[in-house]
Amino acid sequence: MTVETEKVSQSPRPLTELSAYIFSTVVGITIVVYLLRGFGVLAFMPGGVIWLLVLLSVATGIIYGIVKNKRF
């Protein structure tokens, strides 16, 4: 008698993990750029770039929330 085991290492929702990775990366980059600009290291960077990063963080957060709450 042999017992077959299921593969539990495979993720049932790779899209959720990918969107979470993208969201956390964008938020991390936004925080680092914001802090470096505040400390004067990236003082040459225009404020529009900061706004773009913040809006990108919000957009990826919304996408992550939608993907995470899919029921299929």
N, C-alpha and C. Protein backbone atom coordinates (compact mmCIF):
# COMPACT_ATOMS: atom_id res chain seq x y z
N MET A 1 0.83 -1.18 0.00
CA MET A 1 0.00 0.00 0.00
C MET A 1 0.88 1.25 0.00
N THR A 2 0.62 2.10 -0.92
CA THR A 2 1.35 3.36 -0.96
C THR A 2 0.37 4.50 -0.73
N VAL A 3 0.85 5.46 -0.03
CA VAL A 3 0.02 6.62 0.27
C VAL A 3 0.53 7.78 -0.58
N GLU A 4 -0.35 8.32 -1.38
CA GLU A 4 0.03 9.47 -2.20
C GLU A 4 -0.26 10.74 -1.42
N THR A 5 0.70 11.61 -1.42
CA THR A 5 0.51 12.88 -0.72
C THR A 5 0.31 14.00 -1.73
N GLU A 6 -0.48 14.94 -1.35
CA GLU A 6 -0.71 16.09 -2.20
C GLU A 6 0.45 17.05 -2.07
N LYS A 7 0.66 17.81 -3.11
CA LYS A 7 1.68 18.84 -3.05
C LYS A 7 1.10 20.03 -2.30
N VAL A 8 1.62 20.28 -1.14
CA VAL A 8 1.15 21.42 -0.36
C VAL A 8 2.06 22.63 -0.55
N SER A 9 3.16 22.44 -1.26
CA SER A 9 4.07 23.56 -1.45
C SER A 9 3.60 24.52 -2.53
N GLN A 10 2.69 24.06 -3.38
CA GLN A 10 2.20 24.96 -4.42
C GLN A 10 1.18 25.92 -3.84
N SER A 11 1.31 27.16 -4.23
CA SER A 11 0.41 28.18 -3.74
C SER A 11 -0.87 28.16 -4.57
N PRO A 12 -2.02 28.18 -3.92
CA PRO A 12 -3.26 28.19 -4.69
C PRO A 12 -3.54 29.54 -5.35
N ARG A 13 -2.87 30.59 -4.89
CA ARG A 13 -3.15 31.91 -5.43
C ARG A 13 -1.84 32.65 -5.71
N PRO A 14 -1.15 32.30 -6.78
CA PRO A 14 0.12 32.99 -7.05
C PRO A 14 -0.08 34.46 -7.43
N LEU A 15 -1.25 34.79 -7.99
CA LEU A 15 -1.51 36.18 -8.35
C LEU A 15 -1.61 37.05 -7.10
N THR A 16 -2.15 36.51 -6.03
CA THR A 16 -2.23 37.26 -4.77
C THR A 16 -0.84 37.54 -4.22
N GLU A 17 0.02 36.53 -4.26
CA GLU A 17 1.39 36.72 -3.77
C GLU A 17 2.15 37.72 -4.63
N LEU A 18 1.95 37.66 -5.93
CA LEU A 18 2.62 38.61 -6.83
C LEU A 18 2.15 40.03 -6.57
N SER A 19 0.85 40.21 -6.43
CA SER A 19 0.35 41.57 -6.18
C SER A 19 0.79 42.08 -4.81
N ALA A 20 0.89 41.20 -3.83
CA ALA A 20 1.38 41.62 -2.51
C ALA A 20 2.85 42.02 -2.59
N TYR A 21 3.63 41.28 -3.36
CA TYR A 21 5.04 41.61 -3.54
C TYR A 21 5.20 42.96 -4.25
N ILE A 22 4.43 43.19 -5.29
CA ILE A 22 4.51 44.46 -6.02
C ILE A 22 4.08 45.61 -5.12
N PHE A 23 3.00 45.42 -4.37
CA PHE A 23 2.51 46.47 -3.46
C PHE A 23 3.55 46.81 -2.40
N SER A 24 4.12 45.80 -1.76
CA SER A 24 5.10 46.08 -0.71
C SER A 24 6.37 46.70 -1.27
N THR A 25 6.76 46.31 -2.48
CA THR A 25 7.94 46.92 -3.11
C THR A 25 7.71 48.39 -3.42
N VAL A 26 6.55 48.70 -3.98
CA VAL A 26 6.25 50.10 -4.33
C VAL A 26 6.15 50.96 -3.07
N VAL A 27 5.52 50.44 -2.02
CA VAL A 27 5.42 51.20 -0.77
C VAL A 27 6.80 51.40 -0.16
N GLY A 28 7.64 50.37 -0.21
CA GLY A 28 9.00 50.49 0.31
C GLY A 28 9.81 51.53 -0.43
N ILE A 29 9.73 51.51 -1.75
CA ILE A 29 10.45 52.51 -2.55
C ILE A 29 9.94 53.91 -2.25
N THR A 30 8.62 54.04 -2.11
CA THR A 30 8.04 55.35 -1.81
C THR A 30 8.54 55.88 -0.48
N ILE A 31 8.57 55.04 0.53
CA ILE A 31 9.04 55.47 1.86
C ILE A 31 10.51 55.85 1.82
N VAL A 32 11.33 55.06 1.15
CA VAL A 32 12.76 55.35 1.07
C VAL A 32 13.01 56.66 0.34
N VAL A 33 12.34 56.86 -0.80
CA VAL A 33 12.53 58.10 -1.57
C VAL A 33 12.05 59.30 -0.77
N TYR A 34 10.91 59.15 -0.08
CA TYR A 34 10.38 60.25 0.71
C TYR A 34 11.34 60.64 1.85
N LEU A 35 11.87 59.63 2.53
CA LEU A 35 12.80 59.92 3.62
C LEU A 35 14.11 60.52 3.10
N LEU A 36 14.65 59.97 2.02
CA LEU A 36 15.90 60.52 1.48
C LEU A 36 15.72 61.94 0.96
N ARG A 37 14.56 62.22 0.41
CA ARG A 37 14.30 63.60 -0.03
C ARG A 37 14.17 64.52 1.17
N GLY A 38 13.56 64.04 2.23
CA GLY A 38 13.42 64.85 3.45
C GLY A 38 14.76 65.14 4.11
N PHE A 39 15.67 64.17 4.06
CA PHE A 39 17.00 64.37 4.63
C PHE A 39 17.91 65.18 3.73
N GLY A 40 17.47 65.47 2.52
CA GLY A 40 18.26 66.29 1.62
C GLY A 40 19.15 65.52 0.67
N VAL A 41 19.13 64.21 0.75
CA VAL A 41 19.97 63.41 -0.14
C VAL A 41 19.43 63.47 -1.57
N LEU A 42 18.12 63.40 -1.70
CA LEU A 42 17.49 63.50 -3.01
C LEU A 42 16.73 64.83 -3.15
N ALA A 43 17.37 65.90 -2.76
CA ALA A 43 16.72 67.22 -2.77
C ALA A 43 16.41 67.70 -4.18
N PHE A 44 17.13 67.17 -5.16
CA PHE A 44 16.92 67.59 -6.54
C PHE A 44 15.65 66.99 -7.14
N MET A 45 15.07 66.00 -6.49
CA MET A 45 13.91 65.31 -7.04
C MET A 45 12.66 66.18 -6.90
N PRO A 46 11.92 66.36 -7.99
CA PRO A 46 10.72 67.19 -7.91
C PRO A 46 9.61 66.52 -7.11
N GLY A 47 8.73 67.34 -6.57
CA GLY A 47 7.63 66.82 -5.76
C GLY A 47 6.66 65.97 -6.54
N GLY A 48 6.60 66.17 -7.86
CA GLY A 48 5.70 65.36 -8.69
C GLY A 48 6.07 63.89 -8.67
N VAL A 49 7.33 63.60 -8.51
CA VAL A 49 7.77 62.21 -8.44
C VAL A 49 7.25 61.57 -7.16
N ILE A 50 7.27 62.31 -6.07
CA ILE A 50 6.75 61.81 -4.81
C ILE A 50 5.25 61.54 -4.93
N TRP A 51 4.52 62.48 -5.54
CA TRP A 51 3.10 62.29 -5.74
C TRP A 51 2.81 61.08 -6.63
N LEU A 52 3.62 60.90 -7.65
CA LEU A 52 3.46 59.75 -8.54
C LEU A 52 3.66 58.44 -7.77
N LEU A 53 4.68 58.39 -6.92
CA LEU A 53 4.94 57.19 -6.13
C LEU A 53 3.82 56.93 -5.12
N VAL A 54 3.30 57.98 -4.51
CA VAL A 54 2.20 57.81 -3.56
C VAL A 54 0.95 57.30 -4.28
N LEU A 55 0.64 57.87 -5.43
CA LEU A 55 -0.53 57.42 -6.19
C LEU A 55 -0.34 55.99 -6.70
N LEU A 56 0.88 55.65 -7.08
CA LEU A 56 1.17 54.28 -7.50
C LEU A 56 1.01 53.32 -6.33
N SER A 57 1.40 53.73 -5.14
CA SER A 57 1.22 52.90 -3.95
C SER A 57 -0.27 52.67 -3.66
N VAL A 58 -1.05 53.73 -3.77
CA VAL A 58 -2.49 53.60 -3.54
C VAL A 58 -3.12 52.69 -4.59
N ALA A 59 -2.73 52.86 -5.84
CA ALA A 59 -3.30 52.04 -6.92
C ALA A 59 -2.94 50.57 -6.75
N THR A 60 -1.68 50.28 -6.42
CA THR A 60 -1.31 48.88 -6.23
C THR A 60 -1.96 48.30 -4.97
N GLY A 61 -2.20 49.12 -3.97
CA GLY A 61 -2.92 48.66 -2.79
C GLY A 61 -4.35 48.30 -3.11
N ILE A 62 -5.00 49.10 -3.93
CA ILE A 62 -6.37 48.79 -4.35
C ILE A 62 -6.41 47.52 -5.18
N ILE A 63 -5.46 47.38 -6.09
CA ILE A 63 -5.40 46.17 -6.91
C ILE A 63 -5.15 44.94 -6.04
N TYR A 64 -4.25 45.06 -5.08
CA TYR A 64 -3.99 43.95 -4.16
C TYR A 64 -5.24 43.59 -3.38
N GLY A 65 -5.98 44.57 -2.91
CA GLY A 65 -7.21 44.30 -2.17
C GLY A 65 -8.25 43.60 -3.02
N ILE A 66 -8.35 43.99 -4.28
CA ILE A 66 -9.32 43.35 -5.18
C ILE A 66 -8.91 41.91 -5.46
N VAL A 67 -7.63 41.71 -5.75
CA VAL A 67 -7.14 40.36 -6.07
C VAL A 67 -7.26 39.45 -4.85
N LYS A 68 -6.98 39.98 -3.67
CA LYS A 68 -7.02 39.17 -2.45
C LYS A 68 -8.45 38.73 -2.13
N ASN A 69 -9.43 39.53 -2.47
CA ASN A 69 -10.81 39.22 -2.12
C ASN A 69 -11.57 38.49 -3.22
N LYS A 70 -10.89 38.03 -4.26
CA LYS A 70 -11.56 37.23 -5.27
C LYS A 70 -12.01 35.92 -4.65
N ARG A 71 -13.14 35.45 -5.08
CA ARG A 71 -13.70 34.24 -4.48
C ARG A 71 -13.52 33.00 -5.35
N PHE A 72 -12.81 33.12 -6.45
CA PHE A 72 -12.61 31.92 -7.28
C PHE A 72 -11.17 31.68 -7.51
